[in-house]
Amino acid sequence: MTTVATTIDRSTRAEDDQCVVLRNVDWQGYTTLLRVRGECSDPRLVYLDGSLLLLSPSLHHEWLKERSGLLFMVIVEELDIPCIVAGSTTLRRRSRRGGVEGDQSYYLNHLDRMRDKKKIDLKRDPPPDLAIEAVVTHGADEAIEVYRRFRVSELWICYPDAVNILVLQPDGQYAPAERSQALKVISAEEIHSWVTRKQDMNDTAWIKELRKWVVEVLLPRHRALRAE
Protein backbone atom coordinates (compact mmCIF):
# COMPACT_ATOMS: atom_id res chain seq x y z
CA MET A 1 0.00 0.00 0.00
CA THR A 2 1.47 3.31 -1.13
CA THR A 3 0.21 6.23 0.93
CA VAL A 4 1.72 9.70 0.62
CA ALA A 5 -0.91 11.81 2.35
CA THR A 6 -3.32 11.34 5.21
CA THR A 7 -6.19 13.63 6.13
CA ILE A 8 -7.82 13.22 9.52
CA ASP A 9 -11.27 14.73 9.24
CA ARG A 10 -12.40 14.50 12.82
CA SER A 11 -15.00 16.55 14.61
CA THR A 12 -14.24 17.89 18.05
CA ARG A 13 -17.60 16.51 19.15
CA ALA A 14 -17.49 12.87 20.17
CA GLU A 15 -21.07 12.34 18.99
CA ASP A 16 -20.18 13.09 15.34
CA ASP A 17 -18.97 10.62 12.72
CA GLN A 18 -15.18 10.20 12.72
CA CYS A 19 -13.47 9.99 9.33
CA VAL A 20 -9.89 9.42 8.15
CA VAL A 21 -8.96 9.85 4.47
CA LEU A 22 -5.88 8.11 3.03
CA ARG A 23 -4.56 9.33 -0.33
CA ASN A 24 -2.69 7.42 -3.05
CA VAL A 25 -3.71 3.98 -1.83
CA ASP A 26 -3.38 1.32 -4.53
CA TRP A 27 -5.83 -1.54 -5.03
CA GLN A 28 -3.63 -3.98 -3.15
CA GLY A 29 -3.49 -1.61 -0.19
CA TYR A 30 -7.28 -1.33 -0.17
CA THR A 31 -7.86 -5.08 -0.29
CA THR A 32 -5.18 -5.61 2.37
CA LEU A 33 -7.03 -3.28 4.74
CA LEU A 34 -10.25 -5.18 4.04
CA ARG A 35 -8.54 -8.42 5.01
CA VAL A 36 -6.96 -6.90 8.14
CA ARG A 37 -10.32 -5.53 9.27
CA GLY A 38 -11.90 -8.94 8.74
CA GLU A 39 -15.58 -9.32 9.56
CA CYS A 40 -15.73 -6.22 11.74
CA SER A 41 -18.12 -3.56 10.48
CA ASP A 42 -16.05 -0.67 11.83
CA PRO A 43 -14.53 1.27 10.23
CA ARG A 44 -16.54 1.35 7.03
CA LEU A 45 -14.39 1.72 3.92
CA VAL A 46 -15.06 3.64 0.71
CA TYR A 47 -12.43 3.43 -2.02
CA LEU A 48 -12.36 5.65 -5.11
CA ASP A 49 -9.48 6.29 -7.50
CA GLY A 50 -6.78 5.85 -4.87
CA SER A 51 -8.53 7.66 -2.02
CA LEU A 52 -9.65 5.54 0.92
CA LEU A 53 -12.16 6.81 3.47
CA LEU A 54 -12.35 5.09 6.85
CA LEU A 55 -15.55 6.04 8.66
CA SER A 56 -16.58 5.27 12.22
CA PRO A 57 -20.28 6.14 12.37
CA SER A 58 -21.95 8.05 15.18
CA LEU A 59 -25.10 7.00 17.02
CA HIS A 60 -27.08 9.59 15.03
CA HIS A 61 -25.78 8.06 11.78
CA GLU A 62 -26.74 4.56 12.89
CA TRP A 63 -30.18 5.77 13.96
CA LEU A 64 -30.84 7.25 10.50
CA LYS A 65 -29.49 4.13 8.84
CA GLU A 66 -31.61 1.73 10.87
CA ARG A 67 -34.83 3.72 10.59
CA SER A 68 -34.39 4.04 6.81
CA GLY A 69 -33.85 0.31 6.53
CA LEU A 70 -36.81 -0.51 8.77
CA LEU A 71 -39.02 1.78 6.69
CA PHE A 72 -37.98 0.03 3.49
CA MET A 73 -38.60 -3.43 4.94
CA VAL A 74 -42.02 -2.57 6.38
CA ILE A 75 -43.09 -1.23 2.97
CA VAL A 76 -41.95 -4.26 0.96
CA GLU A 77 -43.48 -6.61 3.53
CA GLU A 78 -46.90 -4.95 3.59
CA LEU A 79 -46.95 -4.47 -0.20
CA ASP A 80 -45.70 -8.04 -0.72
CA ILE A 81 -42.74 -6.94 -2.84
CA PRO A 82 -40.08 -9.67 -2.98
CA CYS A 83 -36.55 -8.55 -2.11
CA ILE A 84 -33.21 -9.82 -0.89
CA VAL A 85 -31.32 -7.82 1.72
CA ALA A 86 -27.62 -7.24 0.95
CA GLY A 87 -27.06 -4.97 3.96
CA SER A 88 -23.60 -3.41 4.20
CA THR A 89 -21.95 -6.00 1.95
CA THR A 90 -18.66 -4.81 0.47
CA LEU A 91 -19.11 -4.02 -3.23
CA ARG A 92 -15.83 -3.66 -5.11
CA ARG A 93 -14.44 -3.95 -8.58
CA ARG A 94 -10.86 -3.26 -9.55
CA SER A 95 -11.69 -2.26 -13.14
CA ARG A 96 -14.01 0.49 -11.82
CA ARG A 97 -11.41 1.64 -9.28
CA GLY A 98 -13.99 1.63 -6.53
CA GLY A 99 -15.34 -0.09 -3.47
CA VAL A 100 -18.17 0.79 -1.10
CA GLU A 101 -20.07 -0.58 1.88
CA GLY A 102 -23.54 0.86 1.88
CA ASP A 103 -25.55 1.52 5.00
CA GLN A 104 -28.29 -0.64 3.51
CA SER A 105 -28.69 -2.28 0.10
CA TYR A 106 -31.35 -4.43 -1.51
CA TYR A 107 -32.08 -6.58 -4.55
CA LEU A 108 -35.52 -6.26 -6.06
CA ASN A 109 -34.64 -7.84 -9.41
CA HIS A 110 -32.51 -10.87 -10.34
CA LEU A 111 -33.72 -12.61 -7.18
CA ASP A 112 -33.20 -16.08 -8.64
CA ARG A 113 -29.56 -15.23 -9.39
CA MET A 114 -28.90 -13.83 -5.91
CA ARG A 115 -30.72 -16.38 -3.78
CA ASP A 116 -28.38 -18.37 -1.49
CA LYS A 117 -25.38 -16.20 -2.44
CA LYS A 118 -22.68 -16.05 0.24
CA LYS A 119 -20.72 -13.24 -1.46
CA ILE A 120 -21.19 -10.75 -4.30
CA ASP A 121 -18.75 -10.68 -7.19
CA LEU A 122 -19.60 -7.74 -9.43
CA LYS A 123 -17.67 -9.28 -12.32
CA ARG A 124 -20.51 -11.76 -12.72
CA ASP A 125 -23.28 -10.71 -10.29
CA PRO A 126 -25.63 -7.75 -10.76
CA PRO A 127 -25.32 -4.83 -8.32
CA PRO A 128 -28.05 -4.15 -5.75
CA ASP A 129 -31.05 -2.29 -7.13
CA LEU A 130 -31.30 0.19 -4.26
CA ALA A 131 -28.84 1.46 -1.67
CA ILE A 132 -29.31 3.75 1.33
CA GLU A 133 -26.65 6.12 2.65
CA ALA A 134 -27.15 7.98 5.94
CA VAL A 135 -25.19 11.24 6.04
CA VAL A 136 -24.73 13.20 9.28
CA THR A 137 -21.39 15.02 9.39
CA HIS A 138 -19.58 13.84 6.25
CA GLY A 139 -20.59 13.97 2.61
CA ALA A 140 -21.43 11.01 0.40
CA ASP A 141 -19.91 12.19 -2.90
CA GLU A 142 -17.34 9.40 -3.08
CA ALA A 143 -19.86 6.68 -2.25
CA ILE A 144 -22.33 8.08 -4.80
CA GLU A 145 -19.69 7.99 -7.53
CA VAL A 146 -18.83 4.38 -6.72
CA TYR A 147 -22.51 3.40 -6.86
CA ARG A 148 -22.78 5.19 -10.22
CA ARG A 149 -19.84 3.24 -11.63
CA PHE A 150 -21.44 0.01 -10.41
CA ARG A 151 -24.77 1.10 -11.96
CA VAL A 152 -26.86 0.81 -8.80
CA SER A 153 -30.27 1.94 -10.03
CA GLU A 154 -31.43 4.03 -7.08
CA LEU A 155 -29.96 5.71 -4.00
CA TRP A 156 -31.63 7.18 -0.95
CA ILE A 157 -29.31 9.75 0.64
CA CYS A 158 -30.73 10.35 4.11
CA TYR A 159 -29.67 13.58 5.82
CA PRO A 160 -31.07 14.78 9.16
CA ASP A 161 -32.98 17.56 7.35
CA ALA A 162 -33.89 15.92 4.01
CA VAL A 163 -33.87 12.77 1.91
CA ASN A 164 -32.55 12.92 -1.65
CA ILE A 165 -33.52 10.21 -4.12
CA LEU A 166 -31.10 9.67 -7.00
CA VAL A 167 -32.15 7.55 -9.99
CA LEU A 168 -29.72 6.22 -12.58
CA GLN A 169 -30.43 7.54 -16.07
CA PRO A 170 -29.77 5.90 -19.49
CA ASP A 171 -26.63 8.03 -19.87
CA GLY A 172 -25.18 6.46 -16.71
CA GLN A 173 -25.58 9.58 -14.55
CA TYR A 174 -27.78 10.08 -11.48
CA ALA A 175 -30.67 12.53 -11.51
CA PRO A 176 -32.71 13.65 -8.51
CA ALA A 177 -36.28 12.40 -8.26
CA GLU A 178 -39.17 13.41 -6.05
CA ARG A 179 -40.41 9.83 -5.77
CA SER A 180 -38.77 6.45 -5.55
CA GLN A 181 -38.72 4.48 -8.77
CA ALA A 182 -38.10 1.20 -6.96
CA LEU A 183 -41.02 1.81 -4.57
CA LYS A 184 -43.22 4.07 -6.66
CA VAL A 185 -45.71 4.59 -3.85
CA ILE A 186 -43.49 6.82 -1.69
CA SER A 187 -41.86 10.23 -2.08
CA ALA A 188 -38.58 11.59 -0.74
CA GLU A 189 -40.56 13.95 1.50
CA GLU A 190 -42.54 11.07 2.99
CA ILE A 191 -39.40 9.01 3.57
CA HIS A 192 -37.81 11.91 5.45
CA SER A 193 -40.98 12.60 7.44
CA TRP A 194 -41.11 9.02 8.70
CA VAL A 195 -37.41 8.49 9.25
CA THR A 196 -37.15 11.58 11.47
CA ARG A 197 -40.61 11.40 13.05
CA LYS A 198 -40.83 11.61 16.84
CA GLN A 199 -37.16 11.14 17.59
CA ASP A 200 -37.99 10.64 21.26
CA MET A 201 -40.35 7.74 20.43
CA ASN A 202 -39.07 4.23 21.03
CA ASP A 203 -38.62 2.32 17.79
CA THR A 204 -41.17 -0.37 18.60
CA ALA A 205 -43.94 2.23 18.83
CA TRP A 206 -42.57 3.95 15.70
CA ILE A 207 -42.73 0.73 13.68
CA LYS A 208 -46.34 0.17 14.77
CA GLU A 209 -47.33 3.67 13.61
CA LEU A 210 -45.40 3.24 10.37
CA ARG A 211 -47.01 -0.11 9.59
CA LYS A 212 -50.48 1.34 10.15
CA TRP A 213 -49.71 4.22 7.75
CA VAL A 214 -48.32 1.87 5.11
CA VAL A 215 -51.45 -0.28 5.22
CA GLU A 216 -53.86 2.67 5.21
CA VAL A 217 -52.05 4.96 2.74
CA LEU A 218 -49.41 3.16 0.67
CA LEU A 219 -51.22 -0.13 0.10
CA PRO A 220 -54.19 1.57 -1.68
CA ARG A 221 -51.69 3.55 -3.80
CA HIS A 222 -49.89 0.35 -4.68
CA ARG A 223 -53.12 -1.36 -5.73
CA ALA A 224 -54.13 1.65 -7.82
CA LEU A 225 -50.78 1.68 -9.64
CA ARG A 226 -51.04 -2.04 -10.37
CA ALA A 227 -54.54 -1.54 -11.76
CA GLU A 228 -53.43 1.14 -14.26
C-alpha atoms as a PDB file:
ATOM      1  CA  MET A   1       0.000   0.000   0.000  1.00  0.00           C
ATOM      2  CA  THR A   2       1.473   3.309  -1.127  1.00  0.00           C
ATOM      3  CA  THR A   3       0.213   6.234   0.925  1.00  0.00           C
ATOM      4  CA  VAL A   4       1.720   9.700   0.616  1.00  0.00           C
ATOM      5  CA  ALA A   5      -0.913  11.807   2.346  1.00  0.00           C
ATOM      6  CA  THR A   6      -3.322  11.342   5.205  1.00  0.00           C
ATOM      7  CA  THR A   7      -6.192  13.627   6.128  1.00  0.00           C
ATOM      8  CA  ILE A   8      -7.820  13.217   9.517  1.00  0.00           C
ATOM      9  CA  ASP A   9     -11.274  14.732   9.237  1.00  0.00           C
ATOM     10  CA  ARG A  10     -12.401  14.503  12.820  1.00  0.00           C
ATOM     11  CA  SER A  11     -15.002  16.546  14.608  1.00  0.00           C
ATOM     12  CA  THR A  12     -14.235  17.886  18.051  1.00  0.00           C
ATOM     13  CA  ARG A  13     -17.604  16.508  19.147  1.00  0.00           C
ATOM     14  CA  ALA A  14     -17.495  12.870  20.170  1.00  0.00           C
ATOM     15  CA  GLU A  15     -21.066  12.339  18.993  1.00  0.00           C
ATOM     16  CA  ASP A  16     -20.175  13.090  15.340  1.00  0.00           C
ATOM     17  CA  ASP A  17     -18.965  10.618  12.717  1.00  0.00           C
ATOM     18  CA  GLN A  18     -15.184  10.196  12.720  1.00  0.00           C
ATOM     19  CA  CYS A  19     -13.473   9.989   9.332  1.00  0.00           C
ATOM     20  CA  VAL A  20      -9.893   9.421   8.155  1.00  0.00           C
ATOM     21  CA  VAL A  21      -8.962   9.846   4.471  1.00  0.00           C
ATOM     22  CA  LEU A  22      -5.884   8.109   3.034  1.00  0.00           C
ATOM     23  CA  ARG A  23      -4.557   9.326  -0.329  1.00  0.00           C
ATOM     24  CA  ASN A  24      -2.693   7.422  -3.048  1.00  0.00           C
ATOM     25  CA  VAL A  25      -3.712   3.981  -1.833  1.00  0.00           C
ATOM     26  CA  ASP A  26      -3.378   1.319  -4.528  1.00  0.00           C
ATOM     27  CA  TRP A  27      -5.829  -1.544  -5.027  1.00  0.00           C
ATOM     28  CA  GLN A  28      -3.626  -3.985  -3.149  1.00  0.00           C
ATOM     29  CA  GLY A  29      -3.490  -1.606  -0.191  1.00  0.00           C
ATOM     30  CA  TYR A  30      -7.282  -1.330  -0.165  1.00  0.00           C
ATOM     31  CA  THR A  31      -7.855  -5.076  -0.292  1.00  0.00           C
ATOM     32  CA  THR A  32      -5.177  -5.611   2.369  1.00  0.00           C
ATOM     33  CA  LEU A  33      -7.027  -3.278   4.740  1.00  0.00           C
ATOM     34  CA  LEU A  34     -10.247  -5.177   4.037  1.00  0.00           C
ATOM     35  CA  ARG A  35      -8.541  -8.422   5.012  1.00  0.00           C
ATOM     36  CA  VAL A  36      -6.964  -6.903   8.138  1.00  0.00           C
ATOM     37  CA  ARG A  37     -10.317  -5.527   9.271  1.00  0.00           C
ATOM     38  CA  GLY A  38     -11.899  -8.943   8.742  1.00  0.00           C
ATOM     39  CA  GLU A  39     -15.585  -9.323   9.557  1.00  0.00           C
ATOM     40  CA  CYS A  40     -15.729  -6.222  11.743  1.00  0.00           C
ATOM     41  CA  SER A  41     -18.118  -3.559  10.480  1.00  0.00           C
ATOM     42  CA  ASP A  42     -16.054  -0.670  11.829  1.00  0.00           C
ATOM     43  CA  PRO A  43     -14.527   1.269  10.233  1.00  0.00           C
ATOM     44  CA  ARG A  44     -16.538   1.348   7.028  1.00  0.00           C
ATOM     45  CA  LEU A  45     -14.385   1.719   3.916  1.00  0.00           C
ATOM     46  CA  VAL A  46     -15.065   3.641   0.711  1.00  0.00           C
ATOM     47  CA  TYR A  47     -12.428   3.433  -2.021  1.00  0.00           C
ATOM     48  CA  LEU A  48     -12.361   5.653  -5.111  1.00  0.00           C
ATOM     49  CA  ASP A  49      -9.477   6.292  -7.502  1.00  0.00           C
ATOM     50  CA  GLY A  50      -6.778   5.852  -4.872  1.00  0.00           C
ATOM     51  CA  SER A  51      -8.534   7.655  -2.020  1.00  0.00           C
ATOM     52  CA  LEU A  52      -9.653   5.537   0.918  1.00  0.00           C
ATOM     53  CA  LEU A  53     -12.165   6.806   3.472  1.00  0.00           C
ATOM     54  CA  LEU A  54     -12.353   5.087   6.854  1.00  0.00           C
ATOM     55  CA  LEU A  55     -15.547   6.035   8.661  1.00  0.00           C
ATOM     56  CA  SER A  56     -16.576   5.267  12.224  1.00  0.00           C
ATOM     57  CA  PRO A  57     -20.284   6.144  12.372  1.00  0.00           C
ATOM     58  CA  SER A  58     -21.949   8.046  15.184  1.00  0.00           C
ATOM     59  CA  LEU A  59     -25.098   6.999  17.017  1.00  0.00           C
ATOM     60  CA  HIS A  60     -27.075   9.586  15.028  1.00  0.00           C
ATOM     61  CA  HIS A  61     -25.780   8.062  11.782  1.00  0.00           C
ATOM     62  CA  GLU A  62     -26.742   4.559  12.894  1.00  0.00           C
ATOM     63  CA  TRP A  63     -30.184   5.771  13.964  1.00  0.00           C
ATOM     64  CA  LEU A  64     -30.843   7.255  10.497  1.00  0.00           C
ATOM     65  CA  LYS A  65     -29.488   4.129   8.840  1.00  0.00           C
ATOM     66  CA  GLU A  66     -31.615   1.727  10.870  1.00  0.00           C
ATOM     67  CA  ARG A  67     -34.828   3.720  10.588  1.00  0.00           C
ATOM     68  CA  SER A  68     -34.388   4.036   6.813  1.00  0.00           C
ATOM     69  CA  GLY A  69     -33.851   0.308   6.525  1.00  0.00           C
ATOM     70  CA  LEU A  70     -36.806  -0.510   8.766  1.00  0.00           C
ATOM     71  CA  LEU A  71     -39.023   1.777   6.690  1.00  0.00           C
ATOM     72  CA  PHE A  72     -37.980   0.028   3.486  1.00  0.00           C
ATOM     73  CA  MET A  73     -38.603  -3.428   4.936  1.00  0.00           C
ATOM     74  CA  VAL A  74     -42.019  -2.569   6.376  1.00  0.00           C
ATOM     75  CA  ILE A  75     -43.088  -1.228   2.971  1.00  0.00           C
ATOM     76  CA  VAL A  76     -41.946  -4.261   0.960  1.00  0.00           C
ATOM     77  CA  GLU A  77     -43.480  -6.613   3.533  1.00  0.00           C
ATOM     78  CA  GLU A  78     -46.899  -4.955   3.593  1.00  0.00           C
ATOM     79  CA  LEU A  79     -46.952  -4.467  -0.196  1.00  0.00           C
ATOM     80  CA  ASP A  80     -45.703  -8.041  -0.719  1.00  0.00           C
ATOM     81  CA  ILE A  81     -42.741  -6.937  -2.845  1.00  0.00           C
ATOM     82  CA  PRO A  82     -40.082  -9.667  -2.982  1.00  0.00           C
ATOM     83  CA  CYS A  83     -36.555  -8.548  -2.113  1.00  0.00           C
ATOM     84  CA  ILE A  84     -33.208  -9.823  -0.893  1.00  0.00           C
ATOM     85  CA  VAL A  85     -31.318  -7.818   1.717  1.00  0.00           C
ATOM     86  CA  ALA A  86     -27.625  -7.241   0.945  1.00  0.00           C
ATOM     87  CA  GLY A  87     -27.062  -4.971   3.960  1.00  0.00           C
ATOM     88  CA  SER A  88     -23.601  -3.406   4.195  1.00  0.00           C
ATOM     89  CA  THR A  89     -21.948  -5.999   1.955  1.00  0.00           C
ATOM     90  CA  THR A  90     -18.657  -4.806   0.472  1.00  0.00           C
ATOM     91  CA  LEU A  91     -19.108  -4.022  -3.232  1.00  0.00           C
ATOM     92  CA  ARG A  92     -15.830  -3.661  -5.105  1.00  0.00           C
ATOM     93  CA  ARG A  93     -14.444  -3.952  -8.576  1.00  0.00           C
ATOM     94  CA  ARG A  94     -10.865  -3.258  -9.551  1.00  0.00           C
ATOM     95  CA  SER A  95     -11.688  -2.261 -13.143  1.00  0.00           C
ATOM     96  CA  ARG A  96     -14.012   0.486 -11.821  1.00  0.00           C
ATOM     97  CA  ARG A  97     -11.406   1.636  -9.277  1.00  0.00           C
ATOM     98  CA  GLY A  98     -13.989   1.627  -6.528  1.00  0.00           C
ATOM     99  CA  GLY A  99     -15.339  -0.089  -3.470  1.00  0.00           C
ATOM    100  CA  VAL A 100     -18.175   0.792  -1.101  1.00  0.00           C
ATOM    101  CA  GLU A 101     -20.074  -0.580   1.884  1.00  0.00           C
ATOM    102  CA  GLY A 102     -23.544   0.864   1.882  1.00  0.00           C
ATOM    103  CA  ASP A 103     -25.545   1.518   5.001  1.00  0.00           C
ATOM    104  CA  GLN A 104     -28.289  -0.639   3.514  1.00  0.00           C
ATOM    105  CA  SER A 105     -28.692  -2.284   0.100  1.00  0.00           C
ATOM    106  CA  TYR A 106     -31.355  -4.435  -1.514  1.00  0.00           C
ATOM    107  CA  TYR A 107     -32.076  -6.583  -4.546  1.00  0.00           C
ATOM    108  CA  LEU A 108     -35.524  -6.256  -6.056  1.00  0.00           C
ATOM    109  CA  ASN A 109     -34.637  -7.836  -9.406  1.00  0.00           C
ATOM    110  CA  HIS A 110     -32.507 -10.867 -10.336  1.00  0.00           C
ATOM    111  CA  LEU A 111     -33.723 -12.606  -7.176  1.00  0.00           C
ATOM    112  CA  ASP A 112     -33.201 -16.076  -8.641  1.00  0.00           C
ATOM    113  CA  ARG A 113     -29.562 -15.232  -9.388  1.00  0.00           C
ATOM    114  CA  MET A 114     -28.900 -13.828  -5.911  1.00  0.00           C
ATOM    115  CA  ARG A 115     -30.723 -16.384  -3.779  1.00  0.00           C
ATOM    116  CA  ASP A 116     -28.378 -18.368  -1.493  1.00  0.00           C
ATOM    117  CA  LYS A 117     -25.383 -16.196  -2.442  1.00  0.00           C
ATOM    118  CA  LYS A 118     -22.678 -16.054   0.235  1.00  0.00           C
ATOM    119  CA  LYS A 119     -20.721 -13.238  -1.464  1.00  0.00           C
ATOM    120  CA  ILE A 120     -21.190 -10.753  -4.295  1.00  0.00           C
ATOM    121  CA  ASP A 121     -18.751 -10.681  -7.194  1.00  0.00           C
ATOM    122  CA  LEU A 122     -19.599  -7.739  -9.434  1.00  0.00           C
ATOM    123  CA  LYS A 123     -17.665  -9.278 -12.315  1.00  0.00           C
ATOM    124  CA  ARG A 124     -20.514 -11.762 -12.715  1.00  0.00           C
ATOM    125  CA  ASP A 125     -23.276 -10.706 -10.292  1.00  0.00           C
ATOM    126  CA  PRO A 126     -25.633  -7.748 -10.755  1.00  0.00           C
ATOM    127  CA  PRO A 127     -25.322  -4.827  -8.323  1.00  0.00           C
ATOM    128  CA  PRO A 128     -28.052  -4.151  -5.747  1.00  0.00           C
ATOM    129  CA  ASP A 129     -31.049  -2.293  -7.133  1.00  0.00           C
ATOM    130  CA  LEU A 130     -31.298   0.191  -4.256  1.00  0.00           C
ATOM    131  CA  ALA A 131     -28.840   1.462  -1.667  1.00  0.00           C
ATOM    132  CA  ILE A 132     -29.315   3.749   1.329  1.00  0.00           C
ATOM    133  CA  GLU A 133     -26.653   6.123   2.655  1.00  0.00           C
ATOM    134  CA  ALA A 134     -27.154   7.977   5.937  1.00  0.00           C
ATOM    135  CA  VAL A 135     -25.185  11.235   6.043  1.00  0.00           C
ATOM    136  CA  VAL A 136     -24.732  13.195   9.280  1.00  0.00           C
ATOM    137  CA  THR A 137     -21.393  15.025   9.393  1.00  0.00           C
ATOM    138  CA  HIS A 138     -19.581  13.839   6.254  1.00  0.00           C
ATOM    139  CA  GLY A 139     -20.590  13.973   2.608  1.00  0.00           C
ATOM    140  CA  ALA A 140     -21.432  11.011   0.400  1.00  0.00           C
ATOM    141  CA  ASP A 141     -19.913  12.194  -2.900  1.00  0.00           C
ATOM    142  CA  GLU A 142     -17.336   9.405  -3.081  1.00  0.00           C
ATOM    143  CA  ALA A 143     -19.861   6.682  -2.250  1.00  0.00           C
ATOM    144  CA  ILE A 144     -22.332   8.079  -4.801  1.00  0.00           C
ATOM    145  CA  GLU A 145     -19.690   7.987  -7.529  1.00  0.00           C
ATOM    146  CA  VAL A 146     -18.830   4.380  -6.716  1.00  0.00           C
ATOM    147  CA  TYR A 147     -22.510   3.401  -6.857  1.00  0.00           C
ATOM    148  CA  ARG A 148     -22.778   5.190 -10.221  1.00  0.00           C
ATOM    149  CA  ARG A 149     -19.843   3.240 -11.627  1.00  0.00           C
ATOM    150  CA  PHE A 150     -21.439   0.010 -10.411  1.00  0.00           C
ATOM    151  CA  ARG A 151     -24.774   1.103 -11.961  1.00  0.00           C
ATOM    152  CA  VAL A 152     -26.865   0.810  -8.795  1.00  0.00           C
ATOM    153  CA  SER A 153     -30.274   1.937 -10.032  1.00  0.00           C
ATOM    154  CA  GLU A 154     -31.430   4.031  -7.076  1.00  0.00           C
ATOM    155  CA  LEU A 155     -29.962   5.705  -4.004  1.00  0.00           C
ATOM    156  CA  TRP A 156     -31.631   7.183  -0.949  1.00  0.00           C
ATOM    157  CA  ILE A 157     -29.314   9.746   0.637  1.00  0.00           C
ATOM    158  CA  CYS A 158     -30.735  10.346   4.110  1.00  0.00           C
ATOM    159  CA  TYR A 159     -29.672  13.577   5.824  1.00  0.00           C
ATOM    160  CA  PRO A 160     -31.074  14.779   9.155  1.00  0.00           C
ATOM    161  CA  ASP A 161     -32.982  17.556   7.351  1.00  0.00           C
ATOM    162  CA  ALA A 162     -33.895  15.925   4.009  1.00  0.00           C
ATOM    163  CA  VAL A 163     -33.871  12.773   1.907  1.00  0.00           C
ATOM    164  CA  ASN A 164     -32.548  12.917  -1.649  1.00  0.00           C
ATOM    165  CA  ILE A 165     -33.524  10.206  -4.116  1.00  0.00           C
ATOM    166  CA  LEU A 166     -31.103   9.669  -7.001  1.00  0.00           C
ATOM    167  CA  VAL A 167     -32.146   7.547  -9.986  1.00  0.00           C
ATOM    168  CA  LEU A 168     -29.718   6.219 -12.579  1.00  0.00           C
ATOM    169  CA  GLN A 169     -30.425   7.539 -16.073  1.00  0.00           C
ATOM    170  CA  PRO A 170     -29.773   5.900 -19.487  1.00  0.00           C
ATOM    171  CA  ASP A 171     -26.629   8.029 -19.869  1.00  0.00           C
ATOM    172  CA  GLY A 172     -25.181   6.462 -16.708  1.00  0.00           C
ATOM    173  CA  GLN A 173     -25.583   9.576 -14.546  1.00  0.00           C
ATOM    174  CA  TYR A 174     -27.780  10.076 -11.481  1.00  0.00           C
ATOM    175  CA  ALA A 175     -30.666  12.527 -11.511  1.00  0.00           C
ATOM    176  CA  PRO A 176     -32.712  13.650  -8.505  1.00  0.00           C
ATOM    177  CA  ALA A 177     -36.282  12.398  -8.264  1.00  0.00           C
ATOM    178  CA  GLU A 178     -39.173  13.410  -6.046  1.00  0.00           C
ATOM    179  CA  ARG A 179     -40.414   9.826  -5.770  1.00  0.00           C
ATOM    180  CA  SER A 180     -38.767   6.452  -5.545  1.00  0.00           C
ATOM    181  CA  GLN A 181     -38.722   4.476  -8.771  1.00  0.00           C
ATOM    182  CA  ALA A 182     -38.096   1.203  -6.960  1.00  0.00           C
ATOM    183  CA  LEU A 183     -41.019   1.808  -4.570  1.00  0.00           C
ATOM    184  CA  LYS A 184     -43.222   4.074  -6.655  1.00  0.00           C
ATOM    185  CA  VAL A 185     -45.714   4.592  -3.847  1.00  0.00           C
ATOM    186  CA  ILE A 186     -43.487   6.816  -1.692  1.00  0.00           C
ATOM    187  CA  SER A 187     -41.857  10.229  -2.079  1.00  0.00           C
ATOM    188  CA  ALA A 188     -38.578  11.585  -0.745  1.00  0.00           C
ATOM    189  CA  GLU A 189     -40.555  13.954   1.496  1.00  0.00           C
ATOM    190  CA  GLU A 190     -42.541  11.066   2.988  1.00  0.00           C
ATOM    191  CA  ILE A 191     -39.402   9.014   3.574  1.00  0.00           C
ATOM    192  CA  HIS A 192     -37.808  11.909   5.449  1.00  0.00           C
ATOM    193  CA  SER A 193     -40.978  12.595   7.438  1.00  0.00           C
ATOM    194  CA  TRP A 194     -41.112   9.025   8.695  1.00  0.00           C
ATOM    195  CA  VAL A 195     -37.407   8.487   9.253  1.00  0.00           C
ATOM    196  CA  THR A 196     -37.153  11.583  11.472  1.00  0.00           C
ATOM    197  CA  ARG A 197     -40.612  11.397  13.054  1.00  0.00           C
ATOM    198  CA  LYS A 198     -40.826  11.611  16.842  1.00  0.00           C
ATOM    199  CA  GLN A 199     -37.165  11.136  17.591  1.00  0.00           C
ATOM    200  CA  ASP A 200     -37.992  10.639  21.261  1.00  0.00           C
ATOM    201  CA  MET A 201     -40.350   7.744  20.435  1.00  0.00           C
ATOM    202  CA  ASN A 202     -39.072   4.226  21.026  1.00  0.00           C
ATOM    203  CA  ASP A 203     -38.619   2.323  17.795  1.00  0.00           C
ATOM    204  CA  THR A 204     -41.167  -0.371  18.596  1.00  0.00           C
ATOM    205  CA  ALA A 205     -43.939   2.232  18.825  1.00  0.00           C
ATOM    206  CA  TRP A 206     -42.567   3.952  15.704  1.00  0.00           C
ATOM    207  CA  ILE A 207     -42.735   0.726  13.678  1.00  0.00           C
ATOM    208  CA  LYS A 208     -46.338   0.169  14.769  1.00  0.00           C
ATOM    209  CA  GLU A 209     -47.330   3.670  13.613  1.00  0.00           C
ATOM    210  CA  LEU A 210     -45.401   3.235  10.374  1.00  0.00           C
ATOM    211  CA  ARG A 211     -47.008  -0.107   9.593  1.00  0.00           C
ATOM    212  CA  LYS A 212     -50.478   1.343  10.152  1.00  0.00           C
ATOM    213  CA  TRP A 213     -49.708   4.220   7.754  1.00  0.00           C
ATOM    214  CA  VAL A 214     -48.321   1.871   5.114  1.00  0.00           C
ATOM    215  CA  VAL A 215     -51.454  -0.280   5.223  1.00  0.00           C
ATOM    216  CA  GLU A 216     -53.864   2.665   5.208  1.00  0.00           C
ATOM    217  CA  VAL A 217     -52.046   4.956   2.736  1.00  0.00           C
ATOM    218  CA  LEU A 218     -49.409   3.162   0.671  1.00  0.00           C
ATOM    219  CA  LEU A 219     -51.217  -0.125   0.096  1.00  0.00           C
ATOM    220  CA  PRO A 220     -54.187   1.574  -1.681  1.00  0.00           C
ATOM    221  CA  ARG A 221     -51.692   3.551  -3.797  1.00  0.00           C
ATOM    222  CA  HIS A 222     -49.885   0.352  -4.680  1.00  0.00           C
ATOM    223  CA  ARG A 223     -53.117  -1.358  -5.732  1.00  0.00           C
ATOM    224  CA  ALA A 224     -54.129   1.653  -7.822  1.00  0.00           C
ATOM    225  CA  LEU A 225     -50.779   1.677  -9.638  1.00  0.00           C
ATOM    226  CA  ARG A 226     -51.043  -2.041 -10.373  1.00  0.00           C
ATOM    227  CA  ALA A 227     -54.544  -1.540 -11.761  1.00  0.00           C
ATOM    228  CA  GLU A 228     -53.427   1.135 -14.263  1.00  0.00           C
END
